[in-house]
């Protein structure tokens, strides 16, 4: 039986942070890419883990890797984030592209 879960919208950026940390294998590298402090990034991940009630990352002094629960979440989150960012980029491109008809009129000078 599935349990319905509603995520706090404030935690949505934490999903991207989780993906970045898991891909980088390092809080330091992911924090630099996200332009946040390592401490802030770590707190973001801890809030996400607390909200979900599961440890998502295995942390050692040398590396970070996704746990089984983290990998399961990332398997769903990665394509969703890619689709979301792709859609946002497309909307942004359309907003800057000229659209519609351009009419130019000129009169003859005699």
N, C-alpha and C. Protein backbone atom coordinates (compact mmCIF):
# COMPACT_ATOMS: atom_id res chain seq x y z
N UNK A 1 0.83 -1.18 0.00
CA UNK A 1 0.00 0.00 0.00
C UNK A 1 0.88 1.24 0.00
N UNK A 2 0.61 2.15 -0.90
CA UNK A 2 1.40 3.38 -0.99
C UNK A 2 0.94 4.38 0.05
N UNK A 3 1.91 5.07 0.61
CA UNK A 3 1.61 6.15 1.53
C UNK A 3 1.75 7.45 0.77
N UNK A 4 0.73 8.30 0.87
CA UNK A 4 0.80 9.59 0.18
C UNK A 4 1.74 10.50 0.95
N UNK A 5 2.57 11.20 0.21
CA UNK A 5 3.56 12.08 0.83
C UNK A 5 3.52 13.41 0.11
N UNK A 6 3.46 14.47 0.88
CA UNK A 6 3.52 15.81 0.32
C UNK A 6 4.81 16.45 0.78
N UNK A 7 5.61 16.90 -0.18
CA UNK A 7 6.89 17.51 0.17
C UNK A 7 6.72 19.02 0.32
N UNK A 8 7.42 19.54 1.26
CA UNK A 8 7.46 20.99 1.47
C UNK A 8 8.13 21.61 0.25
N UNK A 9 7.49 22.57 -0.43
CA UNK A 9 8.10 23.18 -1.61
C UNK A 9 9.48 23.79 -1.34
N UNK A 10 9.72 24.18 -0.10
CA UNK A 10 11.03 24.73 0.23
C UNK A 10 12.13 23.68 0.13
N UNK A 11 11.75 22.40 0.13
CA UNK A 11 12.75 21.34 0.03
C UNK A 11 13.07 20.95 -1.41
N UNK A 12 12.32 21.49 -2.37
CA UNK A 12 12.59 21.14 -3.77
C UNK A 12 14.02 21.46 -4.21
N UNK A 13 14.58 22.62 -3.84
CA UNK A 13 15.98 22.86 -4.21
C UNK A 13 16.94 21.84 -3.58
N UNK A 14 16.52 21.23 -2.48
CA UNK A 14 17.36 20.22 -1.84
C UNK A 14 17.50 18.98 -2.71
N UNK A 15 16.51 18.71 -3.54
CA UNK A 15 16.62 17.57 -4.45
C UNK A 15 17.72 17.79 -5.47
N UNK A 16 17.83 19.00 -5.98
CA UNK A 16 18.93 19.32 -6.89
C UNK A 16 20.26 19.27 -6.15
N UNK A 17 20.27 19.74 -4.92
CA UNK A 17 21.50 19.70 -4.12
C UNK A 17 21.92 18.25 -3.89
N UNK A 18 20.97 17.38 -3.61
CA UNK A 18 21.27 15.96 -3.43
C UNK A 18 21.90 15.39 -4.69
N UNK A 19 21.32 15.71 -5.82
CA UNK A 19 21.87 15.21 -7.10
C UNK A 19 23.29 15.71 -7.30
N UNK A 20 23.53 16.98 -7.04
CA UNK A 20 24.87 17.55 -7.23
C UNK A 20 25.90 16.89 -6.32
N UNK A 21 25.54 16.69 -5.05
CA UNK A 21 26.48 16.07 -4.10
C UNK A 21 26.76 14.63 -4.52
N UNK A 22 25.73 13.89 -4.88
CA UNK A 22 25.91 12.50 -5.28
C UNK A 22 26.78 12.39 -6.53
N UNK A 23 26.57 13.27 -7.49
CA UNK A 23 27.35 13.23 -8.73
C UNK A 23 28.79 13.66 -8.50
N UNK A 24 29.00 14.66 -7.64
CA UNK A 24 30.36 15.15 -7.37
C UNK A 24 31.10 14.23 -6.41
N UNK A 25 30.36 13.53 -5.55
CA UNK A 25 31.00 12.70 -4.54
C UNK A 25 31.68 13.52 -3.47
N UNK A 26 31.28 14.79 -3.38
CA UNK A 26 31.94 15.71 -2.45
C UNK A 26 31.02 16.88 -2.15
N UNK A 27 30.90 17.20 -0.86
CA UNK A 27 30.13 18.38 -0.48
C UNK A 27 30.85 19.64 -0.94
N UNK A 28 32.17 19.64 -0.86
CA UNK A 28 32.95 20.83 -1.22
C UNK A 28 32.77 21.18 -2.69
N UNK A 29 32.91 20.18 -3.57
CA UNK A 29 32.76 20.43 -5.01
C UNK A 29 31.33 20.83 -5.36
N UNK A 30 30.36 20.16 -4.76
CA UNK A 30 28.96 20.49 -5.05
C UNK A 30 28.62 21.89 -4.54
N UNK A 31 29.13 22.24 -3.36
CA UNK A 31 28.87 23.57 -2.80
C UNK A 31 29.46 24.65 -3.71
N UNK A 32 30.65 24.41 -4.23
CA UNK A 32 31.27 25.38 -5.14
C UNK A 32 30.43 25.54 -6.41
N UNK A 33 29.93 24.43 -6.95
CA UNK A 33 29.10 24.49 -8.16
C UNK A 33 27.79 25.21 -7.91
N UNK A 34 27.25 25.07 -6.71
CA UNK A 34 25.98 25.71 -6.36
C UNK A 34 26.17 27.11 -5.78
N UNK A 35 27.41 27.50 -5.57
CA UNK A 35 27.76 28.81 -5.01
C UNK A 35 27.13 29.01 -3.62
N UNK A 36 27.28 27.98 -2.79
CA UNK A 36 26.85 28.06 -1.39
C UNK A 36 27.97 27.50 -0.52
N UNK A 37 27.89 27.74 0.77
CA UNK A 37 28.92 27.20 1.66
C UNK A 37 28.69 25.70 1.86
N UNK A 38 29.75 25.01 2.18
CA UNK A 38 29.66 23.57 2.44
C UNK A 38 28.71 23.31 3.60
N UNK A 39 28.78 24.15 4.62
CA UNK A 39 27.92 24.01 5.79
C UNK A 39 26.44 24.16 5.41
N UNK A 40 26.13 25.16 4.61
CA UNK A 40 24.74 25.39 4.18
C UNK A 40 24.23 24.21 3.36
N UNK A 41 25.09 23.68 2.50
CA UNK A 41 24.71 22.54 1.67
C UNK A 41 24.45 21.31 2.54
N UNK A 42 25.32 21.09 3.50
CA UNK A 42 25.16 19.96 4.41
C UNK A 42 23.85 20.07 5.19
N UNK A 43 23.52 21.26 5.65
CA UNK A 43 22.26 21.47 6.38
C UNK A 43 21.05 21.24 5.48
N UNK A 44 21.17 21.64 4.23
CA UNK A 44 20.08 21.43 3.27
C UNK A 44 19.82 19.94 3.09
N UNK A 45 20.89 19.16 2.94
CA UNK A 45 20.75 17.71 2.77
C UNK A 45 20.18 17.08 4.04
N UNK A 46 20.63 17.52 5.19
CA UNK A 46 20.12 16.98 6.46
C UNK A 46 18.62 17.27 6.63
N UNK A 47 18.17 18.46 6.21
CA UNK A 47 16.74 18.78 6.27
C UNK A 47 15.94 17.86 5.36
N UNK A 48 16.48 17.59 4.18
CA UNK A 48 15.81 16.69 3.25
C UNK A 48 15.74 15.28 3.84
N UNK A 49 16.85 14.82 4.39
CA UNK A 49 16.87 13.49 5.01
C UNK A 49 15.86 13.41 6.17
N UNK A 50 15.79 14.46 6.96
CA UNK A 50 14.84 14.49 8.09
C UNK A 50 13.40 14.47 7.58
N UNK A 51 13.12 15.22 6.53
CA UNK A 51 11.77 15.28 5.97
C UNK A 51 11.34 13.93 5.42
N UNK A 52 12.28 13.21 4.83
CA UNK A 52 11.97 11.91 4.23
C UNK A 52 12.11 10.77 5.22
N UNK A 53 12.79 11.03 6.33
CA UNK A 53 13.00 9.98 7.33
C UNK A 53 13.96 8.91 6.88
N UNK A 54 14.93 9.27 6.05
CA UNK A 54 15.90 8.30 5.55
C UNK A 54 17.24 8.97 5.31
N UNK A 55 18.31 8.21 5.53
CA UNK A 55 19.64 8.72 5.20
C UNK A 55 19.83 8.53 3.70
N UNK A 56 20.14 9.60 3.01
CA UNK A 56 20.27 9.58 1.56
C UNK A 56 21.71 9.52 1.09
N UNK A 57 22.62 9.98 1.94
CA UNK A 57 24.04 10.00 1.59
C UNK A 57 24.85 9.32 2.68
N UNK A 58 25.83 8.52 2.25
CA UNK A 58 26.80 7.93 3.17
C UNK A 58 28.01 8.84 3.15
N UNK A 59 28.36 9.36 4.31
CA UNK A 59 29.45 10.33 4.40
C UNK A 59 30.66 9.69 5.08
N UNK A 60 31.82 9.88 4.47
CA UNK A 60 33.09 9.53 5.11
C UNK A 60 33.95 10.79 5.07
N UNK A 61 35.13 10.70 5.66
CA UNK A 61 36.01 11.88 5.64
C UNK A 61 36.53 12.17 4.25
N UNK A 62 36.52 11.19 3.37
CA UNK A 62 37.09 11.38 2.04
C UNK A 62 36.08 11.46 0.91
N UNK A 63 34.93 10.87 1.09
CA UNK A 63 33.97 10.89 -0.02
C UNK A 63 32.53 10.79 0.48
N UNK A 64 31.64 11.06 -0.43
CA UNK A 64 30.20 10.98 -0.16
C UNK A 64 29.60 10.16 -1.28
N UNK A 65 28.70 9.26 -0.93
CA UNK A 65 28.01 8.48 -1.96
C UNK A 65 26.56 8.28 -1.54
N UNK A 66 25.73 8.04 -2.50
CA UNK A 66 24.30 7.85 -2.23
C UNK A 66 24.09 6.49 -1.58
N UNK A 67 23.21 6.46 -0.59
CA UNK A 67 22.80 5.20 0.01
C UNK A 67 21.80 4.53 -0.94
N UNK A 68 21.33 3.36 -0.55
CA UNK A 68 20.33 2.67 -1.37
C UNK A 68 19.07 3.54 -1.50
N UNK A 69 18.67 4.15 -0.39
CA UNK A 69 17.50 5.04 -0.42
C UNK A 69 17.78 6.26 -1.29
N UNK A 70 19.00 6.79 -1.20
CA UNK A 70 19.39 7.94 -2.01
C UNK A 70 19.38 7.61 -3.49
N UNK A 71 19.90 6.43 -3.84
CA UNK A 71 19.91 6.02 -5.25
C UNK A 71 18.48 5.84 -5.78
N UNK A 72 17.61 5.27 -4.95
CA UNK A 72 16.22 5.08 -5.37
C UNK A 72 15.55 6.43 -5.62
N UNK A 73 15.79 7.38 -4.74
CA UNK A 73 15.22 8.72 -4.93
C UNK A 73 15.82 9.40 -6.15
N UNK A 74 17.13 9.30 -6.31
CA UNK A 74 17.80 9.94 -7.44
C UNK A 74 17.37 9.35 -8.78
N UNK A 75 17.03 8.07 -8.80
CA UNK A 75 16.57 7.44 -10.04
C UNK A 75 15.31 8.13 -10.57
N UNK A 76 14.49 8.64 -9.67
CA UNK A 76 13.27 9.35 -10.06
C UNK A 76 13.54 10.84 -10.23
N UNK A 77 14.36 11.39 -9.35
CA UNK A 77 14.60 12.84 -9.32
C UNK A 77 15.40 13.32 -10.52
N UNK A 78 16.42 12.59 -10.92
CA UNK A 78 17.28 13.05 -12.03
C UNK A 78 16.48 13.36 -13.29
N UNK A 79 15.70 12.40 -13.82
CA UNK A 79 14.96 12.72 -15.04
C UNK A 79 13.94 13.85 -14.84
N UNK A 80 13.35 13.90 -13.66
CA UNK A 80 12.38 14.96 -13.38
C UNK A 80 13.03 16.33 -13.38
N UNK A 81 14.20 16.43 -12.72
CA UNK A 81 14.92 17.71 -12.70
C UNK A 81 15.40 18.09 -14.10
N UNK A 82 15.89 17.09 -14.85
CA UNK A 82 16.34 17.37 -16.22
C UNK A 82 15.18 17.91 -17.06
N UNK A 83 14.01 17.30 -16.92
CA UNK A 83 12.84 17.76 -17.68
C UNK A 83 12.43 19.16 -17.25
N UNK A 84 12.45 19.40 -15.95
CA UNK A 84 12.07 20.72 -15.43
C UNK A 84 13.02 21.80 -15.93
N UNK A 85 14.33 21.55 -15.81
CA UNK A 85 15.31 22.55 -16.26
C UNK A 85 15.26 22.73 -17.77
N UNK A 86 15.00 21.65 -18.49
CA UNK A 86 14.86 21.76 -19.94
C UNK A 86 13.67 22.62 -20.33
N UNK A 87 12.56 22.42 -19.66
CA UNK A 87 11.36 23.22 -19.93
C UNK A 87 11.59 24.68 -19.60
N UNK A 88 12.26 24.93 -18.49
CA UNK A 88 12.54 26.32 -18.09
C UNK A 88 13.46 27.00 -19.11
N UNK A 89 14.45 26.27 -19.60
CA UNK A 89 15.36 26.83 -20.59
C UNK A 89 14.62 27.14 -21.89
N UNK A 90 13.73 26.24 -22.28
CA UNK A 90 12.95 26.45 -23.51
C UNK A 90 12.05 27.68 -23.39
N UNK A 91 11.40 27.84 -22.27
CA UNK A 91 10.55 29.01 -22.05
C UNK A 91 11.40 30.27 -22.08
N UNK A 92 12.56 30.23 -21.47
CA UNK A 92 13.45 31.39 -21.47
C UNK A 92 13.90 31.76 -22.87
N UNK A 93 14.20 30.74 -23.70
CA UNK A 93 14.61 31.00 -25.08
C UNK A 93 13.47 31.62 -25.87
N UNK A 94 12.27 31.11 -25.68
CA UNK A 94 11.12 31.64 -26.41
C UNK A 94 10.82 33.08 -26.02
N UNK A 95 11.07 33.41 -24.79
CA UNK A 95 10.80 34.77 -24.32
C UNK A 95 11.74 35.78 -24.96
N UNK A 96 12.94 35.35 -25.35
CA UNK A 96 13.91 36.27 -25.93
C UNK A 96 13.90 36.25 -27.45
N UNK A 97 13.21 35.29 -28.05
CA UNK A 97 13.15 35.22 -29.51
C UNK A 97 12.06 36.15 -30.02
N UNK A 98 12.36 36.90 -31.09
CA UNK A 98 11.31 37.74 -31.68
C UNK A 98 10.20 36.85 -32.25
N UNK A 99 8.96 37.31 -32.13
CA UNK A 99 7.83 36.55 -32.65
C UNK A 99 6.89 37.50 -33.38
N UNK A 100 6.10 36.92 -34.24
CA UNK A 100 5.08 37.71 -34.90
C UNK A 100 5.55 38.28 -36.23
N UNK A 101 4.66 39.01 -36.86
CA UNK A 101 4.95 39.60 -38.17
C UNK A 101 5.56 40.98 -37.99
N UNK A 102 6.48 41.30 -38.87
CA UNK A 102 7.09 42.62 -38.89
C UNK A 102 6.63 43.30 -40.17
N UNK A 103 5.98 44.42 -40.04
CA UNK A 103 5.50 45.16 -41.22
C UNK A 103 6.33 46.42 -41.36
N UNK A 104 6.79 46.61 -42.54
CA UNK A 104 7.58 47.80 -42.84
C UNK A 104 6.85 48.55 -43.96
N UNK A 105 6.61 49.81 -43.74
CA UNK A 105 5.99 50.63 -44.78
C UNK A 105 6.93 51.77 -45.12
N UNK A 106 6.88 52.14 -46.35
CA UNK A 106 7.72 53.26 -46.80
C UNK A 106 6.94 54.04 -47.85
N UNK A 107 7.20 55.31 -47.89
CA UNK A 107 6.53 56.12 -48.91
C UNK A 107 7.58 56.49 -49.95
N UNK A 108 7.09 56.72 -51.13
CA UNK A 108 7.99 57.12 -52.21
C UNK A 108 8.26 58.60 -52.09
N UNK A 109 9.48 58.94 -52.29
CA UNK A 109 9.86 60.36 -52.29
C UNK A 109 10.08 60.75 -53.75
N UNK A 110 9.38 61.79 -54.19
CA UNK A 110 9.48 62.19 -55.59
C UNK A 110 10.52 63.24 -55.80
